[in-house]
């Protein structure tokens, strides 16, 4: 499946900063978006860490050392909704 490969590529690329679990989204546009955002974050914050990206009570939750978590959650929700 293409989305599995995208997921695996994303996890592999960010293996050194991912300290927890990452949800396997069917919509690979989410990984494209987060890839761009994480690349930018690593420029600003070289010690950037992601603890998890998950779905809790029907909402996307991102826990990281960035102050952009809520913004990323909102954008991922929009992508999932097809906006």
N, C-alpha and C. Protein backbone atom coordinates (compact mmCIF):
# COMPACT_ATOMS: atom_id res chain seq x y z
N UNK A 1 0.83 -1.19 0.00
CA UNK A 1 0.00 0.00 0.00
C UNK A 1 0.88 1.25 0.00
N UNK A 2 0.51 2.22 -0.80
CA UNK A 2 1.31 3.44 -0.92
C UNK A 2 1.38 4.19 0.41
N UNK A 3 0.24 4.26 1.14
CA UNK A 3 0.26 5.02 2.38
C UNK A 3 1.18 4.37 3.42
N UNK A 4 1.31 3.06 3.40
CA UNK A 4 2.22 2.39 4.33
C UNK A 4 3.66 2.76 4.02
N UNK A 5 3.99 2.83 2.73
CA UNK A 5 5.35 3.22 2.35
C UNK A 5 5.63 4.65 2.77
N UNK A 6 4.66 5.53 2.57
CA UNK A 6 4.82 6.92 2.98
C UNK A 6 5.02 6.98 4.50
N UNK A 7 4.19 6.26 5.22
CA UNK A 7 4.31 6.20 6.68
C UNK A 7 5.70 5.71 7.07
N UNK A 8 6.14 4.62 6.46
CA UNK A 8 7.44 4.05 6.79
C UNK A 8 8.58 5.02 6.46
N UNK A 9 8.46 5.71 5.33
CA UNK A 9 9.47 6.70 4.96
C UNK A 9 9.51 7.85 5.98
N UNK A 10 8.34 8.31 6.37
CA UNK A 10 8.25 9.40 7.34
C UNK A 10 8.87 8.98 8.67
N UNK A 11 8.49 7.82 9.16
CA UNK A 11 9.02 7.33 10.44
C UNK A 11 10.53 7.11 10.33
N UNK A 12 10.97 6.58 9.22
CA UNK A 12 12.40 6.34 9.02
C UNK A 12 13.18 7.67 9.00
N UNK A 13 12.64 8.66 8.29
CA UNK A 13 13.31 9.96 8.18
C UNK A 13 13.45 10.63 9.55
N UNK A 14 12.43 10.50 10.38
CA UNK A 14 12.42 11.18 11.67
C UNK A 14 12.66 10.24 12.85
N UNK A 15 13.23 9.09 12.59
CA UNK A 15 13.48 8.10 13.62
C UNK A 15 14.26 8.66 14.81
N UNK A 16 15.20 9.55 14.54
CA UNK A 16 16.05 10.08 15.62
C UNK A 16 15.31 11.06 16.54
N UNK A 17 14.18 11.62 16.07
CA UNK A 17 13.45 12.58 16.91
C UNK A 17 12.13 12.02 17.43
N UNK A 18 11.66 10.89 16.89
CA UNK A 18 10.41 10.30 17.34
C UNK A 18 10.69 9.40 18.53
N UNK A 19 10.12 9.75 19.66
CA UNK A 19 10.37 9.01 20.90
C UNK A 19 9.18 8.15 21.32
N UNK A 20 8.09 8.25 20.59
CA UNK A 20 6.89 7.47 20.93
C UNK A 20 6.25 6.94 19.67
N UNK A 21 4.93 6.91 19.66
CA UNK A 21 4.20 6.34 18.54
C UNK A 21 3.69 7.39 17.57
N UNK A 22 3.60 6.97 16.31
CA UNK A 22 3.06 7.82 15.26
C UNK A 22 1.91 7.07 14.61
N UNK A 23 0.76 7.70 14.53
CA UNK A 23 -0.41 7.11 13.91
C UNK A 23 -0.18 6.92 12.42
N UNK A 24 -0.59 5.78 11.88
CA UNK A 24 -0.47 5.48 10.45
C UNK A 24 -1.71 6.00 9.74
N UNK A 25 -1.63 7.23 9.20
CA UNK A 25 -2.76 7.85 8.51
C UNK A 25 -2.91 7.28 7.11
N UNK A 26 -4.15 7.12 6.67
CA UNK A 26 -4.40 6.68 5.30
C UNK A 26 -4.15 7.81 4.31
N UNK A 27 -4.32 9.04 4.73
CA UNK A 27 -4.13 10.21 3.87
C UNK A 27 -2.66 10.63 3.93
N UNK A 28 -1.91 10.33 2.87
CA UNK A 28 -0.47 10.63 2.89
C UNK A 28 -0.18 12.13 2.81
N UNK A 29 -1.17 12.96 2.52
CA UNK A 29 -0.96 14.41 2.54
C UNK A 29 -0.58 14.90 3.93
N UNK A 30 -0.99 14.17 4.93
CA UNK A 30 -0.63 14.52 6.31
C UNK A 30 0.87 14.42 6.50
N UNK A 31 1.48 13.36 5.96
CA UNK A 31 2.92 13.19 6.10
C UNK A 31 3.67 14.24 5.30
N UNK A 32 3.14 14.61 4.14
CA UNK A 32 3.75 15.67 3.33
C UNK A 32 3.74 16.98 4.12
N UNK A 33 2.60 17.29 4.72
CA UNK A 33 2.48 18.51 5.54
C UNK A 33 3.42 18.47 6.74
N UNK A 34 3.38 17.37 7.51
CA UNK A 34 4.21 17.29 8.71
C UNK A 34 5.70 17.25 8.37
N UNK A 35 6.05 16.66 7.25
CA UNK A 35 7.45 16.64 6.81
C UNK A 35 7.96 18.07 6.64
N UNK A 36 7.20 18.90 5.94
CA UNK A 36 7.58 20.30 5.73
C UNK A 36 7.68 21.03 7.07
N UNK A 37 6.70 20.82 7.93
CA UNK A 37 6.69 21.49 9.23
C UNK A 37 7.85 21.03 10.12
N UNK A 38 8.12 19.74 10.13
CA UNK A 38 9.21 19.22 10.96
C UNK A 38 10.56 19.70 10.45
N UNK A 39 10.73 19.76 9.12
CA UNK A 39 11.98 20.29 8.57
C UNK A 39 12.20 21.73 9.04
N UNK A 40 11.14 22.55 8.97
CA UNK A 40 11.24 23.94 9.43
C UNK A 40 11.53 24.00 10.93
N UNK A 41 10.86 23.16 11.69
CA UNK A 41 11.05 23.16 13.15
C UNK A 41 12.49 22.79 13.51
N UNK A 42 13.05 21.84 12.78
CA UNK A 42 14.43 21.41 13.08
C UNK A 42 15.45 22.51 12.79
N UNK A 43 15.13 23.41 11.87
CA UNK A 43 16.01 24.55 11.61
C UNK A 43 15.97 25.51 12.80
N UNK A 44 14.77 25.76 13.30
CA UNK A 44 14.58 26.67 14.44
C UNK A 44 15.02 26.02 15.75
N UNK A 45 14.70 24.75 15.89
CA UNK A 45 14.90 24.03 17.14
C UNK A 45 15.60 22.70 16.86
N UNK A 46 16.93 22.70 16.79
CA UNK A 46 17.67 21.47 16.47
C UNK A 46 17.45 20.33 17.48
N UNK A 47 16.96 20.64 18.67
CA UNK A 47 16.71 19.62 19.69
C UNK A 47 15.25 19.16 19.70
N UNK A 48 14.53 19.44 18.62
CA UNK A 48 13.12 19.10 18.47
C UNK A 48 12.90 17.60 18.66
N UNK A 49 11.88 17.24 19.47
CA UNK A 49 11.52 15.85 19.75
C UNK A 49 10.01 15.70 19.60
N UNK A 50 9.58 14.58 19.04
CA UNK A 50 8.17 14.24 18.94
C UNK A 50 7.92 13.05 19.86
N UNK A 51 7.00 13.22 20.79
CA UNK A 51 6.67 12.12 21.70
C UNK A 51 5.59 11.23 21.10
N UNK A 52 4.59 11.84 20.46
CA UNK A 52 3.57 11.01 19.80
C UNK A 52 2.70 11.85 18.89
N UNK A 53 2.10 11.17 17.92
CA UNK A 53 1.02 11.70 17.10
C UNK A 53 -0.05 10.62 17.14
N UNK A 54 -1.21 10.97 17.72
CA UNK A 54 -2.24 9.95 17.90
C UNK A 54 -3.62 10.57 17.78
N UNK A 55 -4.61 9.71 17.77
CA UNK A 55 -6.00 10.13 17.78
C UNK A 55 -6.56 9.78 19.16
N UNK A 56 -7.07 10.79 19.85
CA UNK A 56 -7.64 10.58 21.18
C UNK A 56 -9.01 11.24 21.23
N UNK A 57 -10.01 10.45 21.55
CA UNK A 57 -11.39 10.93 21.62
C UNK A 57 -11.81 11.61 20.31
N UNK A 58 -11.34 11.05 19.19
CA UNK A 58 -11.72 11.55 17.88
C UNK A 58 -10.95 12.78 17.42
N UNK A 59 -9.98 13.21 18.18
CA UNK A 59 -9.17 14.38 17.82
C UNK A 59 -7.72 13.99 17.67
N UNK A 60 -7.03 14.65 16.75
CA UNK A 60 -5.60 14.42 16.57
C UNK A 60 -4.85 15.12 17.69
N UNK A 61 -3.90 14.43 18.26
CA UNK A 61 -3.05 14.98 19.31
C UNK A 61 -1.59 14.79 18.91
N UNK A 62 -0.86 15.90 18.98
CA UNK A 62 0.58 15.88 18.69
C UNK A 62 1.28 16.40 19.94
N UNK A 63 2.20 15.62 20.43
CA UNK A 63 2.98 16.02 21.59
C UNK A 63 4.44 16.08 21.16
N UNK A 64 5.01 17.26 21.29
CA UNK A 64 6.41 17.46 20.89
C UNK A 64 7.01 18.60 21.70
N UNK A 65 8.27 18.86 21.47
CA UNK A 65 8.94 19.94 22.16
C UNK A 65 8.74 21.29 21.46
N UNK A 66 7.85 21.33 20.49
CA UNK A 66 7.56 22.56 19.74
C UNK A 66 6.37 23.29 20.35
N UNK A 67 6.30 24.58 20.08
CA UNK A 67 5.12 25.34 20.48
C UNK A 67 4.08 25.37 19.36
N UNK A 68 4.30 24.57 18.31
CA UNK A 68 3.40 24.52 17.16
C UNK A 68 2.40 23.37 17.21
N UNK A 69 2.39 22.60 18.28
CA UNK A 69 1.54 21.41 18.36
C UNK A 69 0.09 21.67 17.99
N UNK A 70 -0.52 22.67 18.59
CA UNK A 70 -1.94 22.93 18.33
C UNK A 70 -2.17 23.35 16.90
N UNK A 71 -1.30 24.16 16.35
CA UNK A 71 -1.41 24.56 14.95
C UNK A 71 -1.32 23.35 14.03
N UNK A 72 -0.39 22.45 14.31
CA UNK A 72 -0.25 21.22 13.50
C UNK A 72 -1.48 20.34 13.65
N UNK A 73 -1.99 20.21 14.87
CA UNK A 73 -3.20 19.40 15.10
C UNK A 73 -4.37 19.94 14.26
N UNK A 74 -4.53 21.26 14.29
CA UNK A 74 -5.62 21.89 13.54
C UNK A 74 -5.48 21.64 12.04
N UNK A 75 -4.27 21.75 11.53
CA UNK A 75 -4.04 21.54 10.10
C UNK A 75 -4.26 20.09 9.70
N UNK A 76 -3.81 19.16 10.53
CA UNK A 76 -4.03 17.73 10.26
C UNK A 76 -5.54 17.44 10.26
N UNK A 77 -6.28 18.03 11.19
CA UNK A 77 -7.73 17.86 11.24
C UNK A 77 -8.36 18.35 9.93
N UNK A 78 -7.89 19.49 9.42
CA UNK A 78 -8.41 20.04 8.15
C UNK A 78 -8.11 19.08 7.01
N UNK A 79 -6.91 18.55 6.97
CA UNK A 79 -6.55 17.60 5.91
C UNK A 79 -7.44 16.38 5.98
N UNK A 80 -7.65 15.87 7.17
CA UNK A 80 -8.51 14.69 7.35
C UNK A 80 -9.95 14.97 6.92
N UNK A 81 -10.39 16.21 7.15
CA UNK A 81 -11.76 16.59 6.80
C UNK A 81 -11.90 16.89 5.30
N UNK A 82 -10.77 16.96 4.61
CA UNK A 82 -10.80 17.23 3.17
C UNK A 82 -10.83 18.68 2.82
N UNK A 83 -10.51 19.55 3.76
CA UNK A 83 -10.49 21.00 3.51
C UNK A 83 -9.22 21.41 2.79
